[in-house]
N, C-alpha and C. Protein backbone atom coordinates (compact mmCIF):
# COMPACT_ATOMS: atom_id res chain seq x y z
N MET A 1 0.85 -1.17 0.00
CA MET A 1 0.00 0.00 0.00
C MET A 1 0.90 1.24 0.00
N SER A 2 0.66 2.16 -0.93
CA SER A 2 1.49 3.36 -0.99
C SER A 2 0.98 4.39 0.03
N LYS A 3 1.92 5.10 0.59
CA LYS A 3 1.61 6.13 1.57
C LYS A 3 2.10 7.46 1.04
N THR A 4 1.34 8.52 1.32
CA THR A 4 1.75 9.85 0.92
C THR A 4 1.67 10.76 2.13
N LEU A 5 2.74 11.51 2.35
CA LEU A 5 2.79 12.48 3.42
C LEU A 5 2.61 13.86 2.79
N TYR A 6 1.55 14.54 3.19
CA TYR A 6 1.23 15.87 2.67
C TYR A 6 1.63 16.92 3.69
N GLY A 7 2.22 18.00 3.21
CA GLY A 7 2.58 19.08 4.11
C GLY A 7 3.47 20.10 3.42
N ILE A 8 4.24 20.80 4.25
CA ILE A 8 5.14 21.86 3.80
C ILE A 8 6.55 21.49 4.25
N LYS A 9 7.47 21.56 3.32
CA LYS A 9 8.83 21.10 3.58
C LYS A 9 9.48 21.75 4.80
N ALA A 10 9.32 23.04 4.99
CA ALA A 10 10.05 23.77 6.04
C ALA A 10 9.40 23.70 7.42
N CYS A 11 8.25 23.11 7.55
CA CYS A 11 7.52 23.06 8.82
C CYS A 11 8.22 22.13 9.82
N ASP A 12 8.38 22.58 11.06
CA ASP A 12 9.05 21.77 12.09
C ASP A 12 8.31 20.46 12.37
N THR A 13 6.98 20.51 12.43
CA THR A 13 6.21 19.29 12.68
C THR A 13 6.37 18.31 11.53
N MET A 14 6.45 18.84 10.32
CA MET A 14 6.69 17.99 9.15
C MET A 14 8.05 17.31 9.26
N LYS A 15 9.03 18.04 9.70
CA LYS A 15 10.38 17.47 9.84
C LYS A 15 10.35 16.32 10.85
N LYS A 16 9.62 16.50 11.95
CA LYS A 16 9.51 15.43 12.95
C LYS A 16 8.83 14.20 12.36
N ALA A 17 7.75 14.41 11.60
CA ALA A 17 7.03 13.29 10.99
C ALA A 17 7.91 12.57 9.97
N ARG A 18 8.61 13.33 9.14
CA ARG A 18 9.48 12.70 8.14
C ARG A 18 10.61 11.93 8.79
N THR A 19 11.19 12.50 9.84
CA THR A 19 12.26 11.81 10.57
C THR A 19 11.73 10.51 11.17
N TRP A 20 10.56 10.56 11.78
CA TRP A 20 9.97 9.36 12.39
C TRP A 20 9.74 8.28 11.33
N LEU A 21 9.14 8.66 10.20
CA LEU A 21 8.88 7.70 9.12
C LEU A 21 10.19 7.10 8.61
N ASP A 22 11.19 7.94 8.40
CA ASP A 22 12.49 7.47 7.90
C ASP A 22 13.14 6.51 8.91
N GLU A 23 13.12 6.87 10.19
CA GLU A 23 13.75 6.04 11.22
C GLU A 23 13.04 4.69 11.39
N HIS A 24 11.76 4.64 11.04
CA HIS A 24 10.99 3.40 11.16
C HIS A 24 10.87 2.65 9.83
N GLY A 25 11.63 3.08 8.84
CA GLY A 25 11.68 2.38 7.57
C GLY A 25 10.38 2.39 6.78
N VAL A 26 9.59 3.43 6.96
CA VAL A 26 8.31 3.53 6.25
C VAL A 26 8.56 4.19 4.90
N ASP A 27 8.13 3.51 3.84
CA ASP A 27 8.27 4.04 2.49
C ASP A 27 7.08 4.95 2.20
N TYR A 28 7.35 6.18 1.77
CA TYR A 28 6.27 7.13 1.51
C TYR A 28 6.71 8.12 0.45
N ALA A 29 5.73 8.73 -0.19
CA ALA A 29 5.98 9.84 -1.11
C ALA A 29 5.67 11.12 -0.35
N PHE A 30 6.41 12.18 -0.63
CA PHE A 30 6.15 13.46 0.02
C PHE A 30 5.51 14.41 -0.99
N HIS A 31 4.40 15.03 -0.58
CA HIS A 31 3.69 15.99 -1.42
C HIS A 31 3.71 17.34 -0.69
N ASP A 32 4.47 18.28 -1.22
CA ASP A 32 4.56 19.62 -0.63
C ASP A 32 3.44 20.46 -1.21
N TYR A 33 2.37 20.65 -0.43
CA TYR A 33 1.22 21.35 -0.99
C TYR A 33 1.41 22.86 -1.05
N LYS A 34 2.45 23.36 -0.47
CA LYS A 34 2.73 24.79 -0.65
C LYS A 34 3.41 24.99 -2.01
N ALA A 35 4.25 24.03 -2.40
CA ALA A 35 4.98 24.14 -3.67
C ALA A 35 4.14 23.71 -4.86
N VAL A 36 3.38 22.61 -4.72
CA VAL A 36 2.65 22.07 -5.87
C VAL A 36 1.13 22.13 -5.72
N GLY A 37 0.64 22.67 -4.61
CA GLY A 37 -0.79 22.82 -4.42
C GLY A 37 -1.46 21.55 -3.92
N ILE A 38 -2.75 21.66 -3.76
CA ILE A 38 -3.57 20.54 -3.30
C ILE A 38 -4.87 20.57 -4.09
N ASP A 39 -5.45 19.42 -4.32
CA ASP A 39 -6.69 19.40 -5.09
C ASP A 39 -7.90 19.33 -4.16
N ARG A 40 -9.01 19.79 -4.68
CA ARG A 40 -10.26 19.83 -3.93
C ARG A 40 -10.66 18.43 -3.45
N GLY A 41 -10.44 17.42 -4.27
CA GLY A 41 -10.83 16.06 -3.91
C GLY A 41 -10.19 15.58 -2.62
N ASN A 42 -8.89 15.83 -2.46
CA ASN A 42 -8.22 15.45 -1.21
C ASN A 42 -8.80 16.22 -0.03
N LEU A 43 -8.98 17.52 -0.18
CA LEU A 43 -9.52 18.31 0.93
C LEU A 43 -10.92 17.84 1.31
N GLU A 44 -11.74 17.54 0.33
CA GLU A 44 -13.10 17.06 0.62
C GLU A 44 -13.05 15.71 1.34
N LYS A 45 -12.16 14.84 0.90
CA LYS A 45 -12.01 13.52 1.54
C LYS A 45 -11.54 13.67 2.99
N TRP A 46 -10.54 14.52 3.21
CA TRP A 46 -10.02 14.71 4.57
C TRP A 46 -11.07 15.33 5.48
N CYS A 47 -11.81 16.30 4.95
CA CYS A 47 -12.86 16.95 5.75
C CYS A 47 -13.99 15.97 6.07
N ALA A 48 -14.32 15.10 5.13
CA ALA A 48 -15.36 14.09 5.38
C ALA A 48 -14.90 13.12 6.47
N GLU A 49 -13.62 12.78 6.46
CA GLU A 49 -13.09 11.81 7.42
C GLU A 49 -12.88 12.42 8.81
N HIS A 50 -12.39 13.65 8.86
CA HIS A 50 -11.97 14.24 10.13
C HIS A 50 -12.77 15.47 10.56
N GLY A 51 -13.55 16.05 9.64
CA GLY A 51 -14.24 17.31 9.91
C GLY A 51 -13.35 18.48 9.50
N TRP A 52 -13.95 19.47 8.88
CA TRP A 52 -13.15 20.61 8.39
C TRP A 52 -12.47 21.35 9.54
N GLU A 53 -13.07 21.30 10.74
CA GLU A 53 -12.50 22.00 11.89
C GLU A 53 -11.13 21.42 12.25
N THR A 54 -10.91 20.13 11.99
CA THR A 54 -9.63 19.49 12.26
C THR A 54 -8.63 19.80 11.15
N VAL A 55 -9.09 19.82 9.91
CA VAL A 55 -8.20 19.98 8.76
C VAL A 55 -7.73 21.43 8.60
N LEU A 56 -8.57 22.38 8.93
CA LEU A 56 -8.21 23.79 8.82
C LEU A 56 -7.34 24.20 10.01
N ASN A 57 -6.15 24.69 9.73
CA ASN A 57 -5.22 25.10 10.78
C ASN A 57 -5.52 26.55 11.18
N ARG A 58 -6.38 26.71 12.18
CA ARG A 58 -6.74 28.06 12.64
C ARG A 58 -5.69 28.66 13.57
N ALA A 59 -4.74 27.85 14.03
CA ALA A 59 -3.69 28.36 14.93
C ALA A 59 -2.53 28.98 14.16
N GLY A 60 -2.46 28.73 12.87
CA GLY A 60 -1.32 29.21 12.08
C GLY A 60 -1.40 30.68 11.74
N THR A 61 -0.25 31.23 11.38
CA THR A 61 -0.13 32.65 11.05
C THR A 61 -1.01 33.02 9.86
N THR A 62 -1.06 32.17 8.84
CA THR A 62 -1.81 32.49 7.63
C THR A 62 -3.28 32.71 7.96
N PHE A 63 -3.87 31.84 8.77
CA PHE A 63 -5.28 32.00 9.14
C PHE A 63 -5.46 33.23 10.02
N ARG A 64 -4.57 33.41 10.98
CA ARG A 64 -4.72 34.55 11.90
C ARG A 64 -4.62 35.89 11.19
N LYS A 65 -3.93 35.94 10.05
CA LYS A 65 -3.79 37.19 9.29
C LYS A 65 -5.04 37.53 8.47
N LEU A 66 -5.96 36.60 8.32
CA LEU A 66 -7.18 36.89 7.57
C LEU A 66 -7.98 37.97 8.27
N ASP A 67 -8.73 38.73 7.48
CA ASP A 67 -9.59 39.72 8.13
C ASP A 67 -10.80 39.01 8.74
N GLU A 68 -11.46 39.68 9.65
CA GLU A 68 -12.55 39.06 10.40
C GLU A 68 -13.68 38.57 9.50
N ALA A 69 -13.93 39.27 8.40
CA ALA A 69 -14.99 38.85 7.48
C ALA A 69 -14.68 37.48 6.87
N GLN A 70 -13.40 37.21 6.58
CA GLN A 70 -13.02 35.92 6.01
C GLN A 70 -13.12 34.80 7.04
N LYS A 71 -12.95 35.14 8.32
CA LYS A 71 -13.01 34.14 9.38
C LYS A 71 -14.44 33.88 9.86
N ALA A 72 -15.35 34.81 9.58
CA ALA A 72 -16.72 34.71 10.09
C ALA A 72 -17.53 33.67 9.33
N ASP A 73 -18.45 33.04 10.05
CA ASP A 73 -19.42 32.11 9.45
C ASP A 73 -18.77 31.02 8.61
N LEU A 74 -17.67 30.46 9.11
CA LEU A 74 -17.01 29.39 8.37
C LEU A 74 -17.86 28.12 8.38
N ASP A 75 -17.86 27.46 7.25
CA ASP A 75 -18.44 26.13 7.12
C ASP A 75 -17.47 25.33 6.26
N GLN A 76 -17.80 24.08 5.98
CA GLN A 76 -16.86 23.25 5.23
C GLN A 76 -16.54 23.83 3.86
N ALA A 77 -17.55 24.28 3.14
CA ALA A 77 -17.31 24.80 1.79
C ALA A 77 -16.38 26.01 1.82
N ARG A 78 -16.59 26.93 2.74
CA ARG A 78 -15.74 28.12 2.84
C ARG A 78 -14.34 27.75 3.32
N ALA A 79 -14.25 26.81 4.25
CA ALA A 79 -12.94 26.37 4.74
C ALA A 79 -12.13 25.75 3.61
N ILE A 80 -12.77 24.92 2.79
CA ILE A 80 -12.07 24.30 1.66
C ILE A 80 -11.58 25.37 0.68
N GLU A 81 -12.40 26.38 0.41
CA GLU A 81 -11.97 27.46 -0.49
C GLU A 81 -10.74 28.18 0.07
N LEU A 82 -10.74 28.44 1.39
CA LEU A 82 -9.58 29.08 2.01
C LEU A 82 -8.33 28.21 1.87
N MET A 83 -8.48 26.90 2.11
CA MET A 83 -7.33 25.99 2.04
C MET A 83 -6.83 25.82 0.61
N LEU A 84 -7.74 25.84 -0.36
CA LEU A 84 -7.32 25.78 -1.77
C LEU A 84 -6.53 27.03 -2.15
N ALA A 85 -6.99 28.18 -1.68
CA ALA A 85 -6.33 29.45 -2.01
C ALA A 85 -4.98 29.58 -1.30
N GLN A 86 -4.90 29.07 -0.06
CA GLN A 86 -3.68 29.19 0.72
C GLN A 86 -3.43 27.86 1.45
N PRO A 87 -2.76 26.93 0.79
CA PRO A 87 -2.56 25.60 1.37
C PRO A 87 -1.85 25.60 2.73
N SER A 88 -1.15 26.66 3.08
CA SER A 88 -0.50 26.68 4.39
C SER A 88 -1.54 26.72 5.51
N MET A 89 -2.82 26.89 5.19
CA MET A 89 -3.88 26.83 6.19
C MET A 89 -4.33 25.40 6.49
N ILE A 90 -3.75 24.43 5.78
CA ILE A 90 -4.09 23.03 6.04
C ILE A 90 -3.24 22.54 7.20
N LYS A 91 -3.88 21.92 8.18
CA LYS A 91 -3.13 21.34 9.30
C LYS A 91 -2.16 20.30 8.73
N ARG A 92 -0.99 20.23 9.33
CA ARG A 92 0.01 19.31 8.82
C ARG A 92 0.70 18.56 9.94
N PRO A 93 1.23 17.43 9.54
CA PRO A 93 1.11 16.75 8.24
C PRO A 93 -0.21 16.01 8.12
N VAL A 94 -0.51 15.62 6.89
CA VAL A 94 -1.58 14.66 6.62
C VAL A 94 -0.90 13.44 6.02
N LEU A 95 -1.03 12.31 6.69
CA LEU A 95 -0.44 11.07 6.20
C LEU A 95 -1.56 10.21 5.64
N ASP A 96 -1.52 10.01 4.33
CA ASP A 96 -2.54 9.20 3.64
C ASP A 96 -2.04 7.76 3.57
N LEU A 97 -2.76 6.89 4.25
CA LEU A 97 -2.38 5.47 4.30
C LEU A 97 -3.15 4.65 3.27
N GLY A 98 -3.95 5.29 2.46
CA GLY A 98 -4.74 4.59 1.45
C GLY A 98 -6.16 4.38 1.92
N ASP A 99 -6.32 3.67 3.05
CA ASP A 99 -7.67 3.40 3.55
C ASP A 99 -8.11 4.42 4.60
N LYS A 100 -7.17 5.22 5.09
CA LYS A 100 -7.49 6.28 6.05
C LYS A 100 -6.35 7.29 6.07
N THR A 101 -6.59 8.41 6.74
CA THR A 101 -5.56 9.43 6.88
C THR A 101 -5.38 9.78 8.35
N LEU A 102 -4.19 10.27 8.65
CA LEU A 102 -3.87 10.80 9.97
C LEU A 102 -3.57 12.29 9.80
N VAL A 103 -4.18 13.13 10.63
CA VAL A 103 -3.94 14.57 10.55
C VAL A 103 -3.17 14.99 11.79
N GLY A 104 -2.05 15.67 11.59
CA GLY A 104 -1.18 16.05 12.68
C GLY A 104 -0.18 14.93 12.93
N PHE A 105 0.81 15.20 13.77
CA PHE A 105 1.82 14.19 14.06
C PHE A 105 1.89 13.90 15.54
N LYS A 106 1.65 12.65 15.88
CA LYS A 106 1.87 12.11 17.22
C LYS A 106 2.55 10.76 17.00
N PRO A 107 3.77 10.57 17.52
CA PRO A 107 4.50 9.32 17.29
C PRO A 107 3.68 8.07 17.64
N GLU A 108 2.93 8.12 18.74
CA GLU A 108 2.16 6.95 19.14
C GLU A 108 1.02 6.64 18.15
N ARG A 109 0.43 7.65 17.55
CA ARG A 109 -0.62 7.42 16.55
C ARG A 109 -0.01 6.82 15.28
N TYR A 110 1.15 7.32 14.88
CA TYR A 110 1.82 6.76 13.71
C TYR A 110 2.19 5.29 13.97
N ALA A 111 2.73 5.02 15.15
CA ALA A 111 3.14 3.65 15.49
C ALA A 111 1.95 2.72 15.45
N ALA A 112 0.82 3.13 16.03
CA ALA A 112 -0.37 2.29 16.06
C ALA A 112 -0.92 2.05 14.66
N ALA A 113 -0.95 3.10 13.83
CA ALA A 113 -1.53 2.98 12.50
C ALA A 113 -0.64 2.18 11.55
N LEU A 114 0.66 2.19 11.80
CA LEU A 114 1.59 1.55 10.87
C LEU A 114 2.11 0.21 11.36
N SER A 115 1.59 -0.27 12.50
CA SER A 115 2.09 -1.55 13.02
C SER A 115 1.42 -2.73 12.33
C-alpha cells in the first residue's frame, strides 16, 4: 500500500514526521502542498473523514492574518476554499495510508496505524 505524506517542507512538525517515518523504515511519497498545491478532492475527503475543523489550521499565522470577514461564518465549503487558495492553512502533516488518513503528528498514533 502506498503512503503519501502531505505538508510543507520547512515546517518543524513535518520534519519530525518525516524523521519518524524514515527512522521506522516507512516508504512514503512526500507531497509539498505549498509548492505544488492541493486538489479539492483530497480536501473534501479529509474533511469528510476528520471534519473541516480538524483539517483547517486556525492556529497558524496564515489564518490569523485573515480579516474578520473571512473568518466569520465558516463552514466546510468556505474552509475548503480558504485551504485551496492558501494551502498553508491546512493542518500538517496529513499522512494518507490509502484506507485512512492521519492529521497532525503524534508518534504513538503513527506507530499504532503503521504496526
